[in-house]
């Protein structure tokens, strides 16, 4: 599994925890990382050698991206939720499944604030995470809402030139469906 996929999955787990407990504090987020990613804190011990720290490949790279995404979603939550609400006709954010809502938040954050990540990659990754964590109809729902988010942002002139060119080359995004 690619490290960015792992990062997105971990960000989903953190945001799901925050959403469920209504606690988006730094302490709550740090507790998640301490409990579920102890290698990042240098406290995973190999049982056979009792004191050796276990090395986890890509741990720091993917945790850095996870933290960036998590912080970005929380910091820009008002704008992200507004974009999702506009794109998801007949579904309020509160009616959405928590998993779906937070997958949409992560992907919308990437679409708006991470222009270096191609739109197609963001949408495909969100669909893959939804297949693993969501309900049977989650991937189709996620795809539809994110396509609409991209169309609305494109109409507002908020998608970067590179993203629009990528959409035209690959046949994804606004005007492709």
Protein backbone atom coordinates (compact mmCIF):
# COMPACT_ATOMS: atom_id res chain seq x y z
CA UNK A 1 0.00 0.00 0.00
CA UNK A 2 1.31 3.41 -0.88
CA UNK A 3 2.32 5.67 1.99
CA UNK A 4 -0.05 8.46 0.94
CA UNK A 5 -2.96 6.00 0.98
CA UNK A 6 -1.96 4.97 4.50
CA UNK A 7 -1.81 8.65 5.42
CA UNK A 8 -5.30 9.27 4.05
CA UNK A 9 -6.62 6.26 5.95
CA UNK A 10 -5.00 7.47 9.17
CA UNK A 11 -6.36 10.98 8.60
CA UNK A 12 -9.81 9.42 8.13
CA UNK A 13 -9.42 7.59 11.42
CA UNK A 14 -8.31 10.73 13.27
CA UNK A 15 -11.13 12.81 11.80
CA UNK A 16 -13.66 10.05 12.49
CA UNK A 17 -12.52 10.04 16.13
CA UNK A 18 -12.80 13.83 16.34
CA UNK A 19 -16.20 13.81 14.62
CA UNK A 20 -17.54 11.09 16.93
CA UNK A 21 -16.31 12.69 20.14
CA UNK A 22 -16.82 16.30 18.97
CA UNK A 23 -13.26 16.93 20.19
CA UNK A 24 -10.92 18.44 17.61
CA UNK A 25 -8.34 19.52 20.19
CA UNK A 26 -4.63 19.03 19.72
CA UNK A 27 -4.59 16.74 22.78
CA UNK A 28 -7.22 14.46 21.25
CA UNK A 29 -5.34 14.24 17.95
CA UNK A 30 -2.01 13.58 19.68
CA UNK A 31 -3.62 10.83 21.76
CA UNK A 32 -4.66 9.11 18.53
CA UNK A 33 -1.09 9.17 17.22
CA UNK A 34 0.36 7.98 20.51
CA UNK A 35 -2.05 5.04 20.67
CA UNK A 36 -2.15 4.00 17.03
CA UNK A 37 1.22 5.16 15.67
CA UNK A 38 3.63 4.77 18.59
CA UNK A 39 6.62 4.28 16.27
CA UNK A 40 6.35 7.97 15.46
CA UNK A 41 7.11 8.65 19.11
CA UNK A 42 10.00 6.14 19.32
CA UNK A 43 8.15 3.93 21.77
CA UNK A 44 7.54 0.67 19.91
CA UNK A 45 9.63 -2.04 21.48
CA UNK A 46 10.53 -5.32 19.82
CA UNK A 47 9.36 -8.08 22.17
CA UNK A 48 12.34 -10.35 21.38
CA UNK A 49 15.04 -7.82 22.14
CA UNK A 50 13.15 -5.91 24.82
CA UNK A 51 14.74 -2.52 24.16
CA UNK A 52 15.18 -2.14 20.40
CA UNK A 53 12.95 0.37 18.62
CA UNK A 54 11.15 -1.27 15.71
CA UNK A 55 11.64 0.58 12.43
CA UNK A 56 8.49 1.05 10.40
CA UNK A 57 9.18 1.90 6.73
CA UNK A 58 7.69 5.16 5.50
CA UNK A 59 6.26 5.90 8.95
CA UNK A 60 7.45 9.47 9.18
CA UNK A 61 6.73 10.30 5.53
CA UNK A 62 3.15 9.14 5.71
CA UNK A 63 2.53 10.54 9.20
CA UNK A 64 3.75 13.94 8.04
CA UNK A 65 1.21 13.91 5.19
CA UNK A 66 -1.46 12.56 7.55
CA UNK A 67 -0.84 15.39 10.00
CA UNK A 68 -0.88 17.96 7.16
CA UNK A 69 -4.21 16.68 5.86
CA UNK A 70 -5.76 16.37 9.32
CA UNK A 71 -4.68 19.87 10.34
CA UNK A 72 -5.77 21.30 6.99
CA UNK A 73 -9.23 19.75 7.19
CA UNK A 74 -9.72 21.07 10.71
CA UNK A 75 -8.31 24.51 9.92
CA UNK A 76 -10.43 24.95 6.78
CA UNK A 77 -13.46 22.95 7.95
CA UNK A 78 -15.95 25.76 7.39
CA UNK A 79 -14.96 26.26 3.74
CA UNK A 80 -14.64 22.52 3.09
CA UNK A 81 -18.06 21.75 4.58
CA UNK A 82 -19.59 24.61 2.57
CA UNK A 83 -18.20 23.14 -0.68
CA UNK A 84 -19.46 19.65 0.19
CA UNK A 85 -22.89 20.98 1.17
CA UNK A 86 -23.21 22.83 -2.15
CA UNK A 87 -22.18 19.74 -4.09
CA UNK A 88 -24.29 17.18 -2.27
CA UNK A 89 -27.83 17.97 -3.22
CA UNK A 90 -30.45 16.24 -1.07
CA UNK A 91 -27.85 15.27 1.55
CA UNK A 92 -26.97 17.49 4.48
CA UNK A 93 -23.58 16.91 6.07
CA UNK A 94 -25.25 15.65 9.24
CA UNK A 95 -27.24 13.03 7.31
CA UNK A 96 -24.11 11.58 5.70
CA UNK A 97 -22.37 8.61 7.24
CA UNK A 98 -19.42 9.79 9.33
CA UNK A 99 -16.99 7.79 7.21
CA UNK A 100 -18.30 9.27 3.96
CA UNK A 101 -18.39 12.79 5.38
CA UNK A 102 -14.77 12.60 6.48
CA UNK A 103 -13.55 11.01 3.25
CA UNK A 104 -15.24 13.90 1.43
CA UNK A 105 -13.58 16.39 3.76
CA UNK A 106 -10.12 14.95 3.13
CA UNK A 107 -10.57 14.87 -0.64
CA UNK A 108 -12.11 18.35 -0.78
CA UNK A 109 -9.19 19.67 1.25
CA UNK A 110 -6.80 18.12 -1.28
CA UNK A 111 -8.75 19.52 -4.24
CA UNK A 112 -8.75 23.05 -2.84
CA UNK A 113 -5.46 23.28 -0.97
CA UNK A 114 -3.11 20.72 -2.56
CA UNK A 115 -2.79 21.73 -6.23
CA UNK A 116 0.29 19.52 -6.59
CA UNK A 117 -1.94 16.43 -6.27
CA UNK A 118 -3.79 15.78 -9.53
CA UNK A 119 -7.58 15.87 -9.24
CA UNK A 120 -7.88 12.37 -10.69
CA UNK A 121 -5.53 11.00 -8.00
CA UNK A 122 -7.48 12.68 -5.20
CA UNK A 123 -10.82 11.34 -6.43
CA UNK A 124 -9.48 7.83 -7.11
CA UNK A 125 -7.83 7.66 -3.69
CA UNK A 126 -11.05 8.78 -1.99
CA UNK A 127 -12.99 6.08 -3.85
CA UNK A 128 -10.45 3.42 -2.83
CA UNK A 129 -10.58 4.47 0.83
CA UNK A 130 -14.40 4.43 0.62
CA UNK A 131 -14.31 0.86 -0.75
CA UNK A 132 -12.32 -0.21 2.29
CA UNK A 133 -14.04 1.80 5.05
CA UNK A 134 -17.45 2.82 3.74
CA UNK A 135 -20.72 1.10 2.95
CA UNK A 136 -21.35 -0.67 -0.35
CA UNK A 137 -22.72 2.48 -1.99
CA UNK A 138 -20.06 4.81 -0.52
CA UNK A 139 -17.64 4.74 -3.50
CA UNK A 140 -20.37 5.82 -5.93
CA UNK A 141 -21.62 8.51 -3.53
CA UNK A 142 -18.08 9.82 -2.92
CA UNK A 143 -17.34 9.90 -6.67
CA UNK A 144 -20.54 11.81 -7.44
CA UNK A 145 -20.07 14.43 -4.73
CA UNK A 146 -16.38 14.99 -5.50
CA UNK A 147 -17.09 15.33 -9.23
CA UNK A 148 -19.66 17.99 -8.35
CA UNK A 149 -17.22 19.71 -5.96
CA UNK A 150 -14.68 19.89 -8.80
CA UNK A 151 -17.27 21.24 -11.24
CA UNK A 152 -18.40 23.95 -8.83
CA UNK A 153 -14.82 24.97 -8.04
CA UNK A 154 -14.02 25.05 -11.76
CA UNK A 155 -17.04 27.29 -12.40
CA UNK A 156 -15.77 29.61 -9.66
CA UNK A 157 -12.33 29.62 -11.30
CA UNK A 158 -10.76 28.03 -8.22
CA UNK A 159 -9.19 24.98 -9.85
CA UNK A 160 -5.62 25.53 -10.92
CA UNK A 161 -4.66 25.54 -14.60
CA UNK A 162 -2.63 22.35 -14.15
CA UNK A 163 -5.65 20.60 -12.63
CA UNK A 164 -7.96 21.67 -15.46
CA UNK A 165 -5.41 20.55 -18.06
CA UNK A 166 -5.04 17.20 -16.29
CA UNK A 167 -8.83 16.77 -16.30
CA UNK A 168 -9.03 17.46 -20.03
CA UNK A 169 -6.20 15.00 -20.80
CA UNK A 170 -7.65 12.20 -18.69
CA UNK A 171 -11.32 12.83 -19.34
CA UNK A 172 -12.14 13.27 -15.64
CA UNK A 173 -13.73 16.10 -13.75
CA UNK A 174 -15.99 18.92 -14.95
CA UNK A 175 -17.65 18.25 -18.25
CA UNK A 176 -16.47 14.63 -18.52
CA UNK A 177 -19.57 12.88 -17.20
